[in-house]
Structures are given as C-alpha cells and as structure tokens.
Amino acid sequence: MPHDDPFEHTGMSPSGHPYRPDQDGPLTRFQAMEIAIRELLIEKGVTTEAEIAAAIAYMDTRSPAGGARVVARAWTDPEFRARLLADGSAAVLEMGFPIEALKLIVVENTPRLHNVVVCTLCSCYPRNLLGLPPDWYKQRAYRSRVVREPRRVLAEFGLTLPEGIQVRVHDSTADQRYIVLPMRPEGTEGWSEEDLAALVTRDCMIGVAVPRRPQ
C-alpha cells in the first residue's frame, strides 16, 4: 500500500518540531493533514506558533469544574439563575466563560422533569464549560439509544427515575449546545458555592447522573 502521508513515519512537522511529544506510533492521515495545514498557515502569516500554543493552552484549562461553578452560582443566586435560563451564553460570560459564536441553552431539572443531552450526529458539546466530552458521549450506542430508550440508558448509568418523572432529550447541533441545571440536593442549605460545586459532576451536567450529598 503506497504511503503518501508525508509525516506518517517521522512524527515530525515540516519545520522539524515534533507533532506531539507523547505521540506513539505513526501519525494518521488526519494528523498529517493537520500538521501540513498548520505549517502552511504559519508560513503564510495567517497565524503564529505562539498563537496556536496559546489557544491549545487555553483549551487545556477547560474542565467540568467551570460548569460546576455555574451550577453552584445558580443554586445560590436566584437572579443569576433567571439570567442563566433566559440566556445561557450571556450569563456564563459574566463568570468568565466565553461561549463565543455558540448558543448555550440551559435546561433545568425539576421534581417532575429530567433532562439529558446528546449529539446524535457527532459529538457537539459545551467544551468551554465542561472540557473534552467523555468517550461514551461520542459513541454511536449512546447517541442512538438515549433518544429511543432514555430511561434504560440512564439506568445503565446507575440513574433509575420514577415513572412519574418525564425524561426530555436535547439534541445538540453545530451552533447550539445544552447544559443541564440539576436540582440542588436536599440538606445543603447554607453551603458555600465552593462546597456545592464539589457535588456537581460532568455527568450531572449532561444529565446521566444527579448530584448527591456524601453519606
């Protein structure tokens, strides 16, 4: 089989810089394409190595902790909660989380309604707030089944909901993202935002889990 990926065996970019220090094995075709395009953009003056490094460093700082802070603020500040539900993008920007061109929609769990998020076409996900999506979120099994049989999928995650609670599935798109605002656990009155945020996991904000007080 001919090899026409220019960096497949070397693992090096045309400028001589390693593609990734932890790259094991040959580069894939798409990795090689990314290197070629990146090098060309630098050569043409469209961007610089420093700008690319800064963008990667910023992306590496994103994690579910950001979304947890937003949820904790909504639990303790009714006015912020109202703004969050009305315009998620604008509200999270108040806390230093720019959503940029995307539209963030915040869906609220209630005693009678449970929300869960999916991207049926690929893996659209609120990365600005939650970081990288988990592997299972990108798998075809989750993307197809949670729409058809959400209760069974939630049960497989360990979340069994009473029949009286409606389950609503939200499908993310290329320009629209969802995050779940879970219900605040009982017995957390008077807790600080920091302590409340510690209860909120990534899965809670996708909707396949709910926050729970430590026993």
N, C-alpha and C. Protein backbone atom coordinates (compact mmCIF):
# COMPACT_ATOMS: atom_id res chain seq x y z
N MET A 1 0.86 -1.19 0.00
CA MET A 1 0.00 0.00 0.00
C MET A 1 0.89 1.23 0.00
N PRO A 2 0.69 2.16 -0.96
CA PRO A 2 1.55 3.34 -1.01
C PRO A 2 1.36 4.23 0.20
N HIS A 3 2.42 4.90 0.61
CA HIS A 3 2.36 5.81 1.74
C HIS A 3 2.52 7.23 1.20
N ASP A 4 1.44 7.99 1.19
CA ASP A 4 1.53 9.35 0.69
C ASP A 4 1.26 10.38 1.77
N ASP A 5 1.33 9.97 3.05
CA ASP A 5 1.27 10.92 4.15
C ASP A 5 2.70 11.34 4.47
N PRO A 6 3.08 12.60 4.25
CA PRO A 6 4.47 12.99 4.30
C PRO A 6 5.14 12.82 5.66
N PHE A 7 4.36 12.80 6.77
CA PHE A 7 4.97 12.73 8.09
C PHE A 7 4.59 11.46 8.82
N GLU A 8 4.07 10.47 8.06
CA GLU A 8 3.49 9.29 8.71
C GLU A 8 4.52 8.54 9.55
N HIS A 9 5.74 8.46 9.08
CA HIS A 9 6.72 7.64 9.79
C HIS A 9 7.62 8.47 10.69
N THR A 10 7.82 9.72 10.36
CA THR A 10 8.76 10.51 11.13
C THR A 10 8.17 11.09 12.39
N GLY A 11 6.84 11.37 12.37
CA GLY A 11 6.23 12.03 13.52
C GLY A 11 6.69 13.47 13.66
N MET A 12 7.25 14.05 12.59
CA MET A 12 7.78 15.40 12.66
C MET A 12 7.02 16.29 11.69
N SER A 13 6.91 17.57 12.04
CA SER A 13 6.32 18.54 11.14
C SER A 13 7.39 19.02 10.17
N PRO A 14 7.00 19.69 9.07
CA PRO A 14 7.99 20.15 8.10
C PRO A 14 9.04 21.08 8.71
N SER A 15 8.69 21.78 9.78
CA SER A 15 9.65 22.69 10.39
C SER A 15 10.62 21.96 11.32
N GLY A 16 10.38 20.65 11.54
CA GLY A 16 11.28 19.88 12.39
C GLY A 16 10.80 19.74 13.81
N HIS A 17 9.64 20.34 14.16
CA HIS A 17 9.12 20.23 15.52
C HIS A 17 8.28 18.97 15.66
N PRO A 18 8.39 18.26 16.77
CA PRO A 18 7.55 17.07 16.95
C PRO A 18 6.08 17.44 16.92
N TYR A 19 5.29 16.56 16.34
CA TYR A 19 3.84 16.81 16.30
C TYR A 19 3.28 16.80 17.70
N ARG A 20 3.61 15.78 18.45
CA ARG A 20 3.22 15.70 19.86
C ARG A 20 4.31 14.93 20.59
N PRO A 21 4.74 15.43 21.72
CA PRO A 21 5.78 14.70 22.46
C PRO A 21 5.37 13.29 22.85
N ASP A 22 4.06 13.07 23.07
CA ASP A 22 3.61 11.76 23.54
C ASP A 22 2.99 10.93 22.43
N GLN A 23 3.26 11.29 21.18
CA GLN A 23 2.69 10.54 20.06
C GLN A 23 3.34 9.16 19.97
N ASP A 24 2.54 8.11 20.06
CA ASP A 24 3.05 6.75 19.93
C ASP A 24 2.65 6.21 18.57
N GLY A 25 3.61 5.65 17.84
CA GLY A 25 3.32 5.06 16.56
C GLY A 25 3.21 6.10 15.46
N PRO A 26 2.93 5.64 14.25
CA PRO A 26 2.86 6.55 13.09
C PRO A 26 1.66 7.49 13.19
N LEU A 27 1.79 8.63 12.56
CA LEU A 27 0.68 9.57 12.51
C LEU A 27 -0.40 9.05 11.58
N THR A 28 -1.63 9.38 11.90
CA THR A 28 -2.73 9.06 11.00
C THR A 28 -2.75 10.08 9.87
N ARG A 29 -3.51 9.77 8.83
CA ARG A 29 -3.63 10.70 7.71
C ARG A 29 -4.16 12.06 8.17
N PHE A 30 -5.14 12.05 9.09
CA PHE A 30 -5.72 13.31 9.52
C PHE A 30 -4.74 14.12 10.37
N GLN A 31 -3.93 13.44 11.16
CA GLN A 31 -2.92 14.15 11.92
C GLN A 31 -1.90 14.80 10.99
N ALA A 32 -1.51 14.06 9.96
CA ALA A 32 -0.57 14.62 8.99
C ALA A 32 -1.17 15.82 8.26
N MET A 33 -2.46 15.73 7.92
CA MET A 33 -3.12 16.85 7.26
C MET A 33 -3.14 18.07 8.16
N GLU A 34 -3.40 17.84 9.47
CA GLU A 34 -3.43 18.97 10.41
C GLU A 34 -2.08 19.65 10.46
N ILE A 35 -1.01 18.86 10.49
CA ILE A 35 0.34 19.44 10.53
C ILE A 35 0.59 20.27 9.29
N ALA A 36 0.26 19.71 8.12
CA ALA A 36 0.51 20.42 6.87
C ALA A 36 -0.25 21.74 6.80
N ILE A 37 -1.52 21.72 7.22
CA ILE A 37 -2.33 22.95 7.18
C ILE A 37 -1.81 23.96 8.18
N ARG A 38 -1.46 23.48 9.37
CA ARG A 38 -0.93 24.38 10.40
C ARG A 38 0.36 25.05 9.94
N GLU A 39 1.27 24.25 9.37
CA GLU A 39 2.53 24.80 8.90
C GLU A 39 2.32 25.82 7.78
N LEU A 40 1.35 25.53 6.90
CA LEU A 40 1.07 26.44 5.80
C LEU A 40 0.51 27.77 6.31
N LEU A 41 -0.40 27.71 7.31
CA LEU A 41 -0.96 28.93 7.87
C LEU A 41 0.13 29.78 8.54
N ILE A 42 1.07 29.11 9.20
CA ILE A 42 2.18 29.84 9.81
C ILE A 42 3.07 30.47 8.74
N GLU A 43 3.36 29.68 7.72
CA GLU A 43 4.23 30.18 6.63
C GLU A 43 3.61 31.38 5.93
N LYS A 44 2.27 31.37 5.74
CA LYS A 44 1.59 32.47 5.04
C LYS A 44 1.31 33.66 5.95
N GLY A 45 1.64 33.55 7.24
CA GLY A 45 1.42 34.66 8.15
C GLY A 45 0.01 34.80 8.66
N VAL A 46 -0.82 33.76 8.48
CA VAL A 46 -2.20 33.81 8.97
C VAL A 46 -2.22 33.72 10.49
N THR A 47 -1.33 32.92 11.04
CA THR A 47 -1.22 32.77 12.48
C THR A 47 0.24 32.52 12.83
N THR A 48 0.53 32.36 14.10
CA THR A 48 1.90 32.11 14.54
C THR A 48 1.92 30.90 15.46
N GLU A 49 3.11 30.35 15.67
CA GLU A 49 3.24 29.23 16.59
C GLU A 49 2.81 29.63 18.00
N ALA A 50 3.13 30.87 18.39
CA ALA A 50 2.78 31.34 19.73
C ALA A 50 1.26 31.41 19.90
N GLU A 51 0.56 31.88 18.87
CA GLU A 51 -0.90 31.97 18.95
C GLU A 51 -1.53 30.58 19.04
N ILE A 52 -0.99 29.64 18.28
CA ILE A 52 -1.50 28.28 18.34
C ILE A 52 -1.25 27.67 19.71
N ALA A 53 -0.05 27.88 20.24
CA ALA A 53 0.28 27.35 21.56
C ALA A 53 -0.62 27.94 22.63
N ALA A 54 -0.89 29.25 22.52
CA ALA A 54 -1.76 29.90 23.50
C ALA A 54 -3.19 29.35 23.42
N ALA A 55 -3.67 29.09 22.21
CA ALA A 55 -5.02 28.54 22.04
C ALA A 55 -5.11 27.14 22.64
N ILE A 56 -4.06 26.32 22.42
CA ILE A 56 -4.05 24.97 22.98
C ILE A 56 -3.99 25.02 24.51
N ALA A 57 -3.17 25.93 25.03
CA ALA A 57 -3.06 26.07 26.48
C ALA A 57 -4.40 26.46 27.09
N TYR A 58 -5.12 27.35 26.42
CA TYR A 58 -6.44 27.76 26.92
C TYR A 58 -7.40 26.57 26.91
N MET A 59 -7.38 25.79 25.83
CA MET A 59 -8.28 24.65 25.75
C MET A 59 -7.97 23.63 26.84
N ASP A 60 -6.70 23.49 27.18
CA ASP A 60 -6.31 22.53 28.22
C ASP A 60 -6.79 22.95 29.61
N THR A 61 -7.11 24.23 29.79
CA THR A 61 -7.57 24.68 31.11
C THR A 61 -9.05 24.39 31.34
N ARG A 62 -9.77 24.08 30.28
CA ARG A 62 -11.21 23.88 30.42
C ARG A 62 -11.51 22.51 31.01
N SER A 63 -12.44 22.48 31.96
CA SER A 63 -12.79 21.23 32.63
C SER A 63 -14.21 21.35 33.18
N PRO A 64 -14.81 20.25 33.63
CA PRO A 64 -16.15 20.32 34.22
C PRO A 64 -16.24 21.24 35.44
N ALA A 65 -15.10 21.60 36.03
CA ALA A 65 -15.14 22.49 37.19
C ALA A 65 -15.77 23.83 36.84
N GLY A 66 -15.59 24.29 35.60
CA GLY A 66 -16.22 25.55 35.20
C GLY A 66 -17.73 25.45 35.22
N GLY A 67 -18.27 24.40 34.63
CA GLY A 67 -19.72 24.22 34.65
C GLY A 67 -20.25 24.04 36.05
N ALA A 68 -19.49 23.34 36.91
CA ALA A 68 -19.92 23.13 38.29
C ALA A 68 -20.04 24.46 39.02
N ARG A 69 -19.12 25.37 38.76
CA ARG A 69 -19.19 26.71 39.37
C ARG A 69 -20.45 27.44 38.93
N VAL A 70 -20.79 27.31 37.66
CA VAL A 70 -22.00 27.95 37.14
C VAL A 70 -23.24 27.39 37.82
N VAL A 71 -23.30 26.07 37.96
CA VAL A 71 -24.45 25.44 38.62
C VAL A 71 -24.56 25.90 40.07
N ALA A 72 -23.44 25.91 40.78
CA ALA A 72 -23.47 26.33 42.19
C ALA A 72 -23.93 27.77 42.33
N ARG A 73 -23.50 28.64 41.40
CA ARG A 73 -23.95 30.04 41.45
C ARG A 73 -25.46 30.12 41.23
N ALA A 74 -25.97 29.32 40.28
CA ALA A 74 -27.42 29.33 40.03
C ALA A 74 -28.20 28.82 41.23
N TRP A 75 -27.64 27.88 41.97
CA TRP A 75 -28.32 27.36 43.16
C TRP A 75 -28.39 28.39 44.28
N THR A 76 -27.44 29.30 44.34
CA THR A 76 -27.36 30.24 45.46
C THR A 76 -27.79 31.65 45.11
N ASP A 77 -27.95 31.94 43.82
CA ASP A 77 -28.28 33.30 43.38
C ASP A 77 -29.48 33.23 42.44
N PRO A 78 -30.69 33.47 42.94
CA PRO A 78 -31.89 33.36 42.10
C PRO A 78 -31.87 34.27 40.89
N GLU A 79 -31.31 35.46 41.02
CA GLU A 79 -31.27 36.37 39.88
C GLU A 79 -30.33 35.84 38.79
N PHE A 80 -29.19 35.29 39.20
CA PHE A 80 -28.29 34.70 38.21
C PHE A 80 -28.96 33.50 37.56
N ARG A 81 -29.66 32.68 38.34
CA ARG A 81 -30.36 31.52 37.79
C ARG A 81 -31.36 31.96 36.72
N ALA A 82 -32.10 33.02 36.97
CA ALA A 82 -33.06 33.51 35.99
C ALA A 82 -32.36 33.95 34.71
N ARG A 83 -31.23 34.65 34.85
CA ARG A 83 -30.49 35.08 33.67
C ARG A 83 -29.91 33.89 32.92
N LEU A 84 -29.48 32.88 33.66
CA LEU A 84 -28.89 31.69 33.05
C LEU A 84 -29.92 30.96 32.21
N LEU A 85 -31.12 30.82 32.72
CA LEU A 85 -32.17 30.11 31.98
C LEU A 85 -32.67 30.93 30.80
N ALA A 86 -32.60 32.26 30.91
CA ALA A 86 -33.07 33.13 29.83
C ALA A 86 -32.05 33.23 28.70
N ASP A 87 -30.78 33.32 29.04
CA ASP A 87 -29.71 33.47 28.05
C ASP A 87 -28.44 32.88 28.62
N GLY A 88 -28.25 31.59 28.38
CA GLY A 88 -27.11 30.89 28.95
C GLY A 88 -25.77 31.48 28.54
N SER A 89 -25.63 31.85 27.28
CA SER A 89 -24.36 32.38 26.78
C SER A 89 -23.96 33.65 27.52
N ALA A 90 -24.93 34.56 27.68
CA ALA A 90 -24.62 35.83 28.35
C ALA A 90 -24.35 35.61 29.84
N ALA A 91 -25.08 34.71 30.46
CA ALA A 91 -24.92 34.50 31.90
C ALA A 91 -23.56 33.90 32.23
N VAL A 92 -23.13 32.89 31.48
CA VAL A 92 -21.83 32.28 31.81
C VAL A 92 -20.68 33.22 31.48
N LEU A 93 -20.90 34.13 30.54
CA LEU A 93 -19.87 35.12 30.24
C LEU A 93 -19.61 36.01 31.46
N GLU A 94 -20.65 36.25 32.26
CA GLU A 94 -20.48 37.02 33.49
C GLU A 94 -19.45 36.38 34.41
N MET A 95 -19.32 35.05 34.32
CA MET A 95 -18.39 34.33 35.19
C MET A 95 -17.06 34.03 34.50
N GLY A 96 -16.88 34.64 33.32
CA GLY A 96 -15.61 34.49 32.63
C GLY A 96 -15.51 33.31 31.70
N PHE A 97 -16.65 32.78 31.26
CA PHE A 97 -16.66 31.65 30.33
C PHE A 97 -17.27 32.07 29.00
N PRO A 98 -16.45 32.51 28.05
CA PRO A 98 -17.00 32.93 26.75
C PRO A 98 -17.45 31.74 25.93
N ILE A 99 -18.66 31.80 25.42
CA ILE A 99 -19.18 30.74 24.56
C ILE A 99 -18.94 31.09 23.10
N GLU A 100 -18.51 32.32 22.84
CA GLU A 100 -18.18 32.80 21.50
C GLU A 100 -19.43 32.76 20.63
N ALA A 101 -19.32 32.17 19.43
CA ALA A 101 -20.44 32.24 18.49
C ALA A 101 -21.53 31.23 18.80
N LEU A 102 -21.28 30.33 19.73
CA LEU A 102 -22.26 29.29 20.04
C LEU A 102 -23.39 29.83 20.90
N LYS A 103 -24.52 29.18 20.81
CA LYS A 103 -25.65 29.49 21.68
C LYS A 103 -25.73 28.42 22.75
N LEU A 104 -25.66 28.85 24.01
CA LEU A 104 -25.76 27.90 25.12
C LEU A 104 -27.17 27.95 25.69
N ILE A 105 -27.81 26.80 25.74
CA ILE A 105 -29.15 26.69 26.31
C ILE A 105 -29.05 25.87 27.58
N VAL A 106 -29.57 26.41 28.67
CA VAL A 106 -29.54 25.73 29.97
C VAL A 106 -30.93 25.18 30.25
N VAL A 107 -31.01 23.88 30.47
CA VAL A 107 -32.29 23.22 30.74
C VAL A 107 -32.30 22.77 32.20
N GLU A 108 -33.40 23.05 32.88
CA GLU A 108 -33.46 22.86 34.33
C GLU A 108 -34.23 21.60 34.71
N ASN A 109 -33.62 20.78 35.54
CA ASN A 109 -34.34 19.65 36.11
C ASN A 109 -35.30 20.13 37.19
N THR A 110 -36.43 19.46 37.30
CA THR A 110 -37.43 19.75 38.32
C THR A 110 -37.89 18.43 38.92
N PRO A 111 -38.71 18.47 39.98
CA PRO A 111 -39.21 17.21 40.54
C PRO A 111 -40.01 16.36 39.56
N ARG A 112 -40.48 16.97 38.47
CA ARG A 112 -41.30 16.23 37.50
C ARG A 112 -40.65 16.11 36.13
N LEU A 113 -39.46 16.71 35.95
CA LEU A 113 -38.81 16.69 34.64
C LEU A 113 -37.31 16.46 34.79
N HIS A 114 -36.79 15.51 34.02
CA HIS A 114 -35.35 15.26 33.99
C HIS A 114 -34.85 15.43 32.56
N ASN A 115 -33.77 16.19 32.40
CA ASN A 115 -33.21 16.48 31.08
C ASN A 115 -31.92 15.70 30.87
N VAL A 116 -31.68 15.31 29.62
CA VAL A 116 -30.43 14.65 29.26
C VAL A 116 -30.01 15.17 27.89
N VAL A 117 -28.71 15.27 27.69
CA VAL A 117 -28.16 15.89 26.48
C VAL A 117 -27.43 14.85 25.64
N VAL A 118 -27.54 15.01 24.32
CA VAL A 118 -26.86 14.14 23.37
C VAL A 118 -26.53 14.96 22.13
N CYS A 119 -25.63 14.44 21.31
CA CYS A 119 -25.44 14.95 19.96
C CYS A 119 -25.58 13.74 19.05
N THR A 120 -26.70 13.63 18.36
CA THR A 120 -26.97 12.42 17.59
C THR A 120 -26.12 12.32 16.33
N LEU A 121 -25.62 13.45 15.83
CA LEU A 121 -24.84 13.43 14.59
C LEU A 121 -23.35 13.22 14.83
N CYS A 122 -22.81 13.79 15.90
CA CYS A 122 -21.36 13.66 16.12
C CYS A 122 -21.06 13.76 17.61
N SER A 123 -20.42 14.85 18.04
CA SER A 123 -20.09 14.97 19.47
C SER A 123 -20.11 16.44 19.90
N CYS A 124 -21.06 17.22 19.39
CA CYS A 124 -21.19 18.62 19.80
C CYS A 124 -21.41 18.66 21.31
N TYR A 125 -20.70 19.57 21.97
CA TYR A 125 -20.60 19.50 23.43
C TYR A 125 -20.14 20.87 23.94
N PRO A 126 -20.61 21.33 25.11
CA PRO A 126 -20.20 22.64 25.63
C PRO A 126 -18.79 22.62 26.21
N ARG A 127 -17.78 22.49 25.35
CA ARG A 127 -16.39 22.32 25.79
C ARG A 127 -15.88 23.52 26.58
N ASN A 128 -16.40 24.71 26.28
CA ASN A 128 -15.96 25.89 27.02
C ASN A 128 -16.24 25.77 28.51
N LEU A 129 -17.30 25.02 28.84
CA LEU A 129 -17.68 24.86 30.25
C LEU A 129 -17.27 23.50 30.82
N LEU A 130 -17.24 22.47 29.99
CA LEU A 130 -17.04 21.12 30.50
C LEU A 130 -15.75 20.46 30.03
N GLY A 131 -14.98 21.12 29.19
CA GLY A 131 -13.78 20.50 28.67
C GLY A 131 -14.12 19.49 27.59
N LEU A 132 -13.28 18.48 27.42
CA LEU A 132 -13.49 17.48 26.38
C LEU A 132 -14.64 16.54 26.75
N PRO A 133 -15.41 16.10 25.77
CA PRO A 133 -16.50 15.16 26.07
C PRO A 133 -15.95 13.79 26.43
N PRO A 134 -16.66 13.04 27.27
CA PRO A 134 -16.23 11.68 27.58
C PRO A 134 -16.36 10.79 26.34
N ASP A 135 -15.61 9.72 26.31
CA ASP A 135 -15.63 8.83 25.14
C ASP A 135 -17.02 8.28 24.88
N TRP A 136 -17.74 7.91 25.94
CA TRP A 136 -19.04 7.30 25.72
C TRP A 136 -20.03 8.26 25.07
N TYR A 137 -19.84 9.57 25.28
CA TYR A 137 -20.73 10.57 24.69
C TYR A 137 -20.62 10.55 23.17
N LYS A 138 -19.46 10.16 22.66
CA LYS A 138 -19.21 10.16 21.22
C LYS A 138 -19.57 8.84 20.56
N GLN A 139 -19.85 7.83 21.35
CA GLN A 139 -20.10 6.50 20.78
C GLN A 139 -21.50 6.40 20.18
N ARG A 140 -21.57 5.68 19.10
CA ARG A 140 -22.85 5.53 18.39
C ARG A 140 -23.93 4.93 19.29
N ALA A 141 -23.54 4.02 20.16
CA ALA A 141 -24.54 3.37 21.02
C ALA A 141 -25.28 4.40 21.87
N TYR A 142 -24.54 5.31 22.52
CA TYR A 142 -25.19 6.33 23.33
C TYR A 142 -26.00 7.28 22.46
N ARG A 143 -25.41 7.73 21.36
CA ARG A 143 -26.05 8.74 20.52
C ARG A 143 -27.38 8.26 19.94
N SER A 144 -27.48 6.98 19.66
CA SER A 144 -28.72 6.46 19.09
C SER A 144 -29.69 5.99 20.16
N ARG A 145 -29.19 5.33 21.18
CA ARG A 145 -30.09 4.71 22.15
C ARG A 145 -30.73 5.69 23.11
N VAL A 146 -30.00 6.75 23.51
CA VAL A 146 -30.56 7.65 24.51
C VAL A 146 -31.78 8.38 23.97
N VAL A 147 -31.88 8.49 22.67
CA VAL A 147 -33.06 9.12 22.05
C VAL A 147 -34.24 8.16 22.05
N ARG A 148 -33.97 6.88 21.79
CA ARG A 148 -35.04 5.89 21.67
C ARG A 148 -35.49 5.30 23.00
N GLU A 149 -34.53 5.09 23.90
CA GLU A 149 -34.84 4.46 25.18
C GLU A 149 -34.07 5.15 26.30
N PRO A 150 -34.37 6.42 26.56
CA PRO A 150 -33.58 7.18 27.53
C PRO A 150 -33.60 6.59 28.94
N ARG A 151 -34.71 6.08 29.38
CA ARG A 151 -34.77 5.54 30.75
C ARG A 151 -33.84 4.34 30.91
N ARG A 152 -33.80 3.48 29.91
CA ARG A 152 -32.93 2.32 30.00
C ARG A 152 -31.46 2.74 30.00
N VAL A 153 -31.12 3.73 29.16
CA VAL A 153 -29.74 4.20 29.12
C VAL A 153 -29.36 4.84 30.46
N LEU A 154 -30.25 5.66 31.02
CA LEU A 154 -29.97 6.28 32.31
C LEU A 154 -29.79 5.22 33.40
N ALA A 155 -30.59 4.18 33.35
CA ALA A 155 -30.47 3.10 34.34
C ALA A 155 -29.11 2.42 34.23
N GLU A 156 -28.58 2.32 33.01
CA GLU A 156 -27.26 1.73 32.83
C GLU A 156 -26.16 2.60 33.42
N PHE A 157 -26.44 3.88 33.56
CA PHE A 157 -25.51 4.79 34.23
C PHE A 157 -25.73 4.79 35.74
N GLY A 158 -26.71 4.04 36.20
CA GLY A 158 -27.00 3.97 37.63
C GLY A 158 -28.06 4.95 38.09
N LEU A 159 -28.77 5.56 37.13
CA LEU A 159 -29.80 6.54 37.48
C LEU A 159 -31.16 5.99 37.07
N THR A 160 -31.91 5.51 38.05
CA THR A 160 -33.25 4.99 37.81
C THR A 160 -34.27 6.02 38.27
N LEU A 161 -35.09 6.50 37.34
CA LEU A 161 -36.05 7.55 37.64
C LEU A 161 -37.45 6.97 37.81
N PRO A 162 -38.22 7.50 38.75
CA PRO A 162 -39.61 7.05 38.91
C PRO A 162 -40.41 7.31 37.63
N GLU A 163 -41.42 6.51 37.41
CA GLU A 163 -42.23 6.63 36.20
C GLU A 163 -42.92 7.99 36.10
N GLY A 164 -43.18 8.62 37.23
CA GLY A 164 -43.87 9.91 37.19
C GLY A 164 -43.01 11.07 36.70
N ILE A 165 -41.72 10.85 36.52
CA ILE A 165 -40.83 11.91 36.06
C ILE A 165 -40.66 11.81 34.54
N GLN A 166 -40.94 12.90 33.86
CA GLN A 166 -40.76 12.95 32.41
C GLN A 166 -39.28 13.08 32.07
N VAL A 167 -38.84 12.36 31.05
CA VAL A 167 -37.46 12.47 30.58
C VAL A 167 -37.47 13.19 29.23
N ARG A 168 -36.70 14.25 29.14
CA ARG A 168 -36.65 15.04 27.91
C ARG A 168 -35.21 15.02 27.38
N VAL A 169 -35.03 14.62 26.12
CA VAL A 169 -33.71 14.51 25.50
C VAL A 169 -33.49 15.71 24.59
N HIS A 170 -32.33 16.36 24.73
CA HIS A 170 -31.99 17.53 23.93
C HIS A 170 -30.83 17.21 23.01
N ASP A 171 -31.02 17.48 21.72
CA ASP A 171 -30.02 17.14 20.71
C ASP A 171 -29.20 18.38 20.35
N SER A 172 -27.91 18.34 20.66
CA SER A 172 -27.03 19.47 20.37
C SER A 172 -26.77 19.56 18.86
N THR A 173 -26.40 20.76 18.41
CA THR A 173 -26.09 20.98 17.00
C THR A 173 -24.76 21.72 16.89
N ALA A 174 -24.34 21.97 15.67
CA ALA A 174 -23.05 22.62 15.44
C ALA A 174 -22.97 24.00 16.06
N ASP A 175 -24.10 24.70 16.17
CA ASP A 175 -24.05 26.07 16.71
C ASP A 175 -24.87 26.22 17.99
N GLN A 176 -25.33 25.12 18.55
CA GLN A 176 -26.17 25.20 19.74
C GLN A 176 -25.79 24.08 20.70
N ARG A 177 -25.50 24.46 21.94
CA ARG A 177 -25.09 23.50 22.95
C ARG A 177 -26.06 23.54 24.14
N TYR A 178 -26.16 22.43 24.86
CA TYR A 178 -27.02 22.34 26.03
C TYR A 178 -26.18 21.98 27.26
N ILE A 179 -26.63 22.45 28.40
CA ILE A 179 -26.09 22.00 29.68
C ILE A 179 -27.27 21.87 30.65
N VAL A 180 -27.25 20.84 31.46
CA VAL A 180 -28.34 20.59 32.41
C VAL A 180 -28.04 21.32 33.71
N LEU A 181 -29.05 22.01 34.22
CA LEU A 181 -29.00 22.59 35.55
C LEU A 181 -29.71 21.60 36.48
N PRO A 182 -28.96 20.78 37.20
CA PRO A 182 -29.59 19.77 38.06
C PRO A 182 -30.23 20.39 39.29
N MET A 183 -31.06 19.61 39.95
CA MET A 183 -31.67 20.09 41.19
C MET A 183 -30.65 20.06 42.33
N ARG A 184 -30.75 21.03 43.20
CA ARG A 184 -29.86 21.09 44.35
C ARG A 184 -30.24 20.01 45.35
N PRO A 185 -29.28 19.25 45.82
CA PRO A 185 -29.60 18.19 46.79
C PRO A 185 -30.17 18.76 48.09
N GLU A 186 -31.08 18.05 48.68
CA GLU A 186 -31.63 18.47 49.96
C GLU A 186 -30.55 18.39 51.04
N GLY A 187 -30.72 19.25 52.06
CA GLY A 187 -29.78 19.24 53.16
C GLY A 187 -28.51 20.02 52.90
N THR A 188 -28.50 20.86 51.85
CA THR A 188 -27.29 21.65 51.56
C THR A 188 -27.53 23.13 51.81
N GLU A 189 -28.55 23.46 52.57
CA GLU A 189 -28.82 24.85 52.89
C GLU A 189 -27.63 25.43 53.66
N GLY A 190 -27.22 26.62 53.27
CA GLY A 190 -26.12 27.28 53.96
C GLY A 190 -24.74 26.88 53.46
N TRP A 191 -24.68 25.94 52.53
CA TRP A 191 -23.38 25.54 51.99
C TRP A 191 -22.81 26.66 51.12
N SER A 192 -21.50 26.74 51.05
CA SER A 192 -20.84 27.73 50.19
C SER A 192 -20.91 27.27 48.74
N GLU A 193 -20.69 28.22 47.82
CA GLU A 193 -20.66 27.85 46.41
C GLU A 193 -19.57 26.82 46.13
N GLU A 194 -18.45 26.95 46.79
CA GLU A 194 -17.35 26.01 46.57
C GLU A 194 -17.75 24.60 46.98
N ASP A 195 -18.42 24.48 48.13
CA ASP A 195 -18.83 23.15 48.59
C ASP A 195 -19.93 22.58 47.69
N LEU A 196 -20.83 23.44 47.23
CA LEU A 196 -21.88 22.98 46.34
C LEU A 196 -21.31 22.53 45.00
N ALA A 197 -20.36 23.29 44.47
CA ALA A 197 -19.75 22.93 43.18
C ALA A 197 -19.09 21.56 43.24
N ALA A 198 -18.58 21.19 44.41
CA ALA A 198 -17.92 19.89 44.55
C ALA A 198 -18.89 18.73 44.38
N LEU A 199 -20.19 19.00 44.49
CA LEU A 199 -21.20 17.96 44.32
C LEU A 199 -21.57 17.74 42.86
N VAL A 200 -21.20 18.68 42.00
CA VAL A 200 -21.67 18.69 40.61
C VAL A 200 -20.61 18.05 39.71
N THR A 201 -20.93 16.92 39.15
CA THR A 201 -20.01 16.23 38.24
C THR A 201 -20.36 16.55 36.80
N ARG A 202 -19.44 16.20 35.92
CA ARG A 202 -19.69 16.34 34.48
C ARG A 202 -20.96 15.61 34.08
N ASP A 203 -21.15 14.38 34.58
CA ASP A 203 -22.31 13.59 34.19
C ASP A 203 -23.62 14.23 34.63
N CYS A 204 -23.59 14.96 35.76
CA CYS A 204 -24.78 15.68 36.20
C CYS A 204 -25.19 16.73 35.18
N MET A 205 -24.21 17.37 34.57
CA MET A 205 -24.49 18.46 33.64
C MET A 205 -24.81 17.96 32.23
N ILE A 206 -24.55 16.68 31.98
CA ILE A 206 -25.03 16.04 30.76
C ILE A 206 -26.41 15.45 30.99
N GLY A 207 -26.67 15.06 32.24
CA GLY A 207 -27.99 14.55 32.58
C GLY A 207 -28.05 13.06 32.82
N VAL A 208 -26.90 12.38 32.86
CA VAL A 208 -26.91 10.94 33.11
C VAL A 208 -26.67 10.62 34.58
N ALA A 209 -26.61 11.65 35.41
CA ALA A 209 -26.46 11.48 36.85
C ALA A 209 -27.09 12.68 37.53
N VAL A 210 -27.22 12.62 38.85
CA VAL A 210 -27.73 13.74 39.63
C VAL A 210 -26.78 13.97 40.80
N PRO A 211 -26.67 15.22 41.28
CA PRO A 211 -25.79 15.47 42.43
C PRO A 211 -26.32 14.80 43.68
N ARG A 212 -25.41 14.31 44.48
CA ARG A 212 -25.79 13.65 45.73
C ARG A 212 -24.88 14.10 46.85
N ARG A 213 -25.45 14.27 48.01
CA ARG A 213 -24.65 14.59 49.20
C ARG A 213 -23.82 13.38 49.60
N PRO A 214 -22.61 13.60 50.06
CA PRO A 214 -21.82 12.48 50.60
C PRO A 214 -22.52 11.90 51.81
N GLN A 215 -22.48 10.59 51.93
CA GLN A 215 -23.13 9.92 53.07
C GLN A 215 -22.22 9.96 54.28
